């Protein structure tokens, strides 16, 4: 008996919707990372991109626990001296909640080409409307 190894031709991709309303941002991001990577499937193969498409709606209604709204910062650096930009999460969650969710999911994916390909399949929206009805996405219930 041989072990089944998936490849890019045998991967069956589905579309899932995660609702982030009144749920911690990190919990939603962790579940999205599992779905994007394909670890929930029985035929998961570590070296193959076998994940599904994930649509996250209501990213603006995700909550941050503790003092993260005040203490946590989104930081970017241009590479030049003095090129550090810091934005507190209380401002980031008001202005760009999609970016906050995307950054959280990106940090939970592998730092290689598999992670980059998985992040392309992530769609994040701040409201209820997502525009992917033609793909017939299924609501995924988080634990």
Protein backbone atom coordinates (compact mmCIF):
# COMPACT_ATOMS: atom_id res chain seq x y z
CA UNK A 1 0.00 0.00 0.00
CA UNK A 2 1.46 3.36 -1.00
CA UNK A 3 1.02 6.78 0.56
CA UNK A 4 -1.11 9.25 -1.39
CA UNK A 5 0.79 12.38 -2.40
CA UNK A 6 -1.25 15.24 -3.82
CA UNK A 7 -0.01 17.33 -6.71
CA UNK A 8 -1.29 20.47 -8.34
CA UNK A 9 -3.41 18.48 -10.81
CA UNK A 10 -5.29 16.52 -8.14
CA UNK A 11 -6.11 19.45 -5.83
CA UNK A 12 -9.83 20.22 -5.48
CA UNK A 13 -10.27 23.81 -4.33
CA UNK A 14 -13.43 25.02 -2.59
CA UNK A 15 -14.56 28.48 -1.52
CA UNK A 16 -15.26 29.24 2.15
CA UNK A 17 -16.64 32.33 3.88
CA UNK A 18 -15.46 33.28 7.36
CA UNK A 19 -17.48 35.86 9.27
CA UNK A 20 -15.19 37.92 11.53
CA UNK A 21 -17.98 39.87 13.26
CA UNK A 22 -17.55 39.88 17.06
CA UNK A 23 -14.73 37.32 16.88
CA UNK A 24 -11.07 37.89 17.81
CA UNK A 25 -8.97 38.92 14.82
CA UNK A 26 -6.28 36.35 15.58
CA UNK A 27 -8.68 33.42 15.88
CA UNK A 28 -10.26 34.26 12.54
CA UNK A 29 -6.83 34.70 10.94
CA UNK A 30 -5.64 31.36 12.31
CA UNK A 31 -8.67 29.55 10.88
CA UNK A 32 -8.17 31.28 7.54
CA UNK A 33 -4.51 30.22 7.49
CA UNK A 34 -5.48 26.58 8.08
CA UNK A 35 -7.99 26.69 5.22
CA UNK A 36 -5.58 28.48 2.87
CA UNK A 37 -2.84 25.96 3.59
CA UNK A 38 -5.15 22.94 3.23
CA UNK A 39 -4.36 21.41 6.61
CA UNK A 40 -8.03 20.61 7.20
CA UNK A 41 -8.03 18.10 4.31
CA UNK A 42 -7.33 14.40 4.67
CA UNK A 43 -5.03 14.47 1.63
CA UNK A 44 -2.85 17.35 2.92
CA UNK A 45 0.65 17.22 1.47
CA UNK A 46 3.18 19.65 3.03
CA UNK A 47 5.11 20.45 -0.15
CA UNK A 48 2.02 21.02 -2.35
CA UNK A 49 -0.23 24.05 -2.40
CA UNK A 50 -3.49 22.21 -1.71
CA UNK A 51 -5.48 24.89 0.14
CA UNK A 52 -8.85 26.45 -0.58
CA UNK A 53 -10.10 29.95 -1.30
CA UNK A 54 -11.14 31.97 1.75
CA UNK A 55 -13.40 35.03 1.87
CA UNK A 56 -13.37 36.96 5.14
CA UNK A 57 -16.32 39.32 5.60
CA UNK A 58 -16.98 41.89 8.35
CA UNK A 59 -13.28 42.49 8.98
CA UNK A 60 -14.20 45.89 10.41
CA UNK A 61 -16.23 44.20 13.16
CA UNK A 62 -13.40 41.92 14.32
CA UNK A 63 -12.30 42.57 17.88
CA UNK A 64 -8.89 42.80 19.48
CA UNK A 65 -8.69 41.54 23.05
CA UNK A 66 -6.76 43.09 25.88
CA UNK A 67 -4.95 46.38 25.27
CA UNK A 68 -3.97 45.55 21.70
CA UNK A 69 -5.88 48.52 20.28
CA UNK A 70 -3.56 50.83 22.20
CA UNK A 71 -0.33 48.85 22.60
CA UNK A 72 -0.03 47.07 19.23
CA UNK A 73 1.42 48.83 16.19
CA UNK A 74 1.52 48.07 12.47
CA UNK A 75 5.09 48.87 11.39
CA UNK A 76 6.60 49.27 7.95
CA UNK A 77 10.11 50.34 7.01
CA UNK A 78 11.21 51.77 3.69
CA UNK A 79 14.78 50.56 4.10
CA UNK A 80 16.16 54.08 4.36
CA UNK A 81 17.39 55.76 7.52
CA UNK A 82 14.42 57.14 9.44
CA UNK A 83 12.01 55.23 7.21
CA UNK A 84 10.01 53.58 9.99
CA UNK A 85 6.25 54.19 9.93
CA UNK A 86 4.08 53.13 12.84
CA UNK A 87 0.30 53.06 12.95
CA UNK A 88 -1.55 52.02 16.12
CA UNK A 89 -4.13 49.29 15.61
CA UNK A 90 -6.95 51.54 16.85
CA UNK A 91 -6.38 53.73 13.78
CA UNK A 92 -5.63 50.78 11.46
CA UNK A 93 -8.86 49.00 12.44
CA UNK A 94 -10.86 52.18 11.69
CA UNK A 95 -9.20 53.07 8.39
CA UNK A 96 -8.00 49.78 6.88
CA UNK A 97 -9.47 46.73 8.65
CA UNK A 98 -8.80 44.59 5.55
CA UNK A 99 -5.07 45.27 5.87
CA UNK A 100 -5.06 44.32 9.56
CA UNK A 101 -6.70 40.97 8.78
CA UNK A 102 -4.44 40.31 5.78
CA UNK A 103 -1.29 41.01 7.80
CA UNK A 104 -2.49 38.67 10.56
CA UNK A 105 -3.14 35.84 8.09
CA UNK A 106 0.14 36.45 6.25
CA UNK A 107 2.08 36.06 9.49
CA UNK A 108 0.54 32.61 10.00
CA UNK A 109 1.46 31.26 6.56
CA UNK A 110 4.82 29.80 5.57
CA UNK A 111 7.46 32.31 4.51
CA UNK A 112 8.10 30.75 1.09
CA UNK A 113 6.39 30.38 -2.29
CA UNK A 114 3.62 28.21 -0.79
CA UNK A 115 2.65 31.04 1.54
CA UNK A 116 2.72 33.60 -1.27
CA UNK A 117 0.45 31.48 -3.46
CA UNK A 118 -1.90 30.86 -0.54
CA UNK A 119 -2.21 34.57 0.24
CA UNK A 120 -3.42 35.22 -3.31
CA UNK A 121 -6.47 33.06 -2.55
CA UNK A 122 -7.43 35.22 0.46
CA UNK A 123 -10.17 37.82 -0.12
CA UNK A 124 -10.91 40.22 2.75
CA UNK A 125 -13.86 42.64 2.89
CA UNK A 126 -14.87 45.09 5.59
CA UNK A 127 -18.62 44.64 5.03
CA UNK A 128 -21.07 41.84 4.24
CA UNK A 129 -20.86 42.11 0.43
CA UNK A 130 -18.08 40.18 -1.24
CA UNK A 131 -19.04 39.76 -4.90
CA UNK A 132 -18.00 36.08 -5.15
CA UNK A 133 -21.50 34.59 -5.37
CA UNK A 134 -20.69 32.96 -8.72
CA UNK A 135 -18.14 30.68 -6.98
CA UNK A 136 -20.87 29.38 -4.61
CA UNK A 137 -18.90 29.83 -1.37
CA UNK A 138 -19.87 27.83 1.71
CA UNK A 139 -20.08 29.39 5.18
CA UNK A 140 -17.39 27.86 7.39
CA UNK A 141 -18.28 27.62 11.06
CA UNK A 142 -15.43 28.41 13.41
CA UNK A 143 -15.00 26.47 16.62
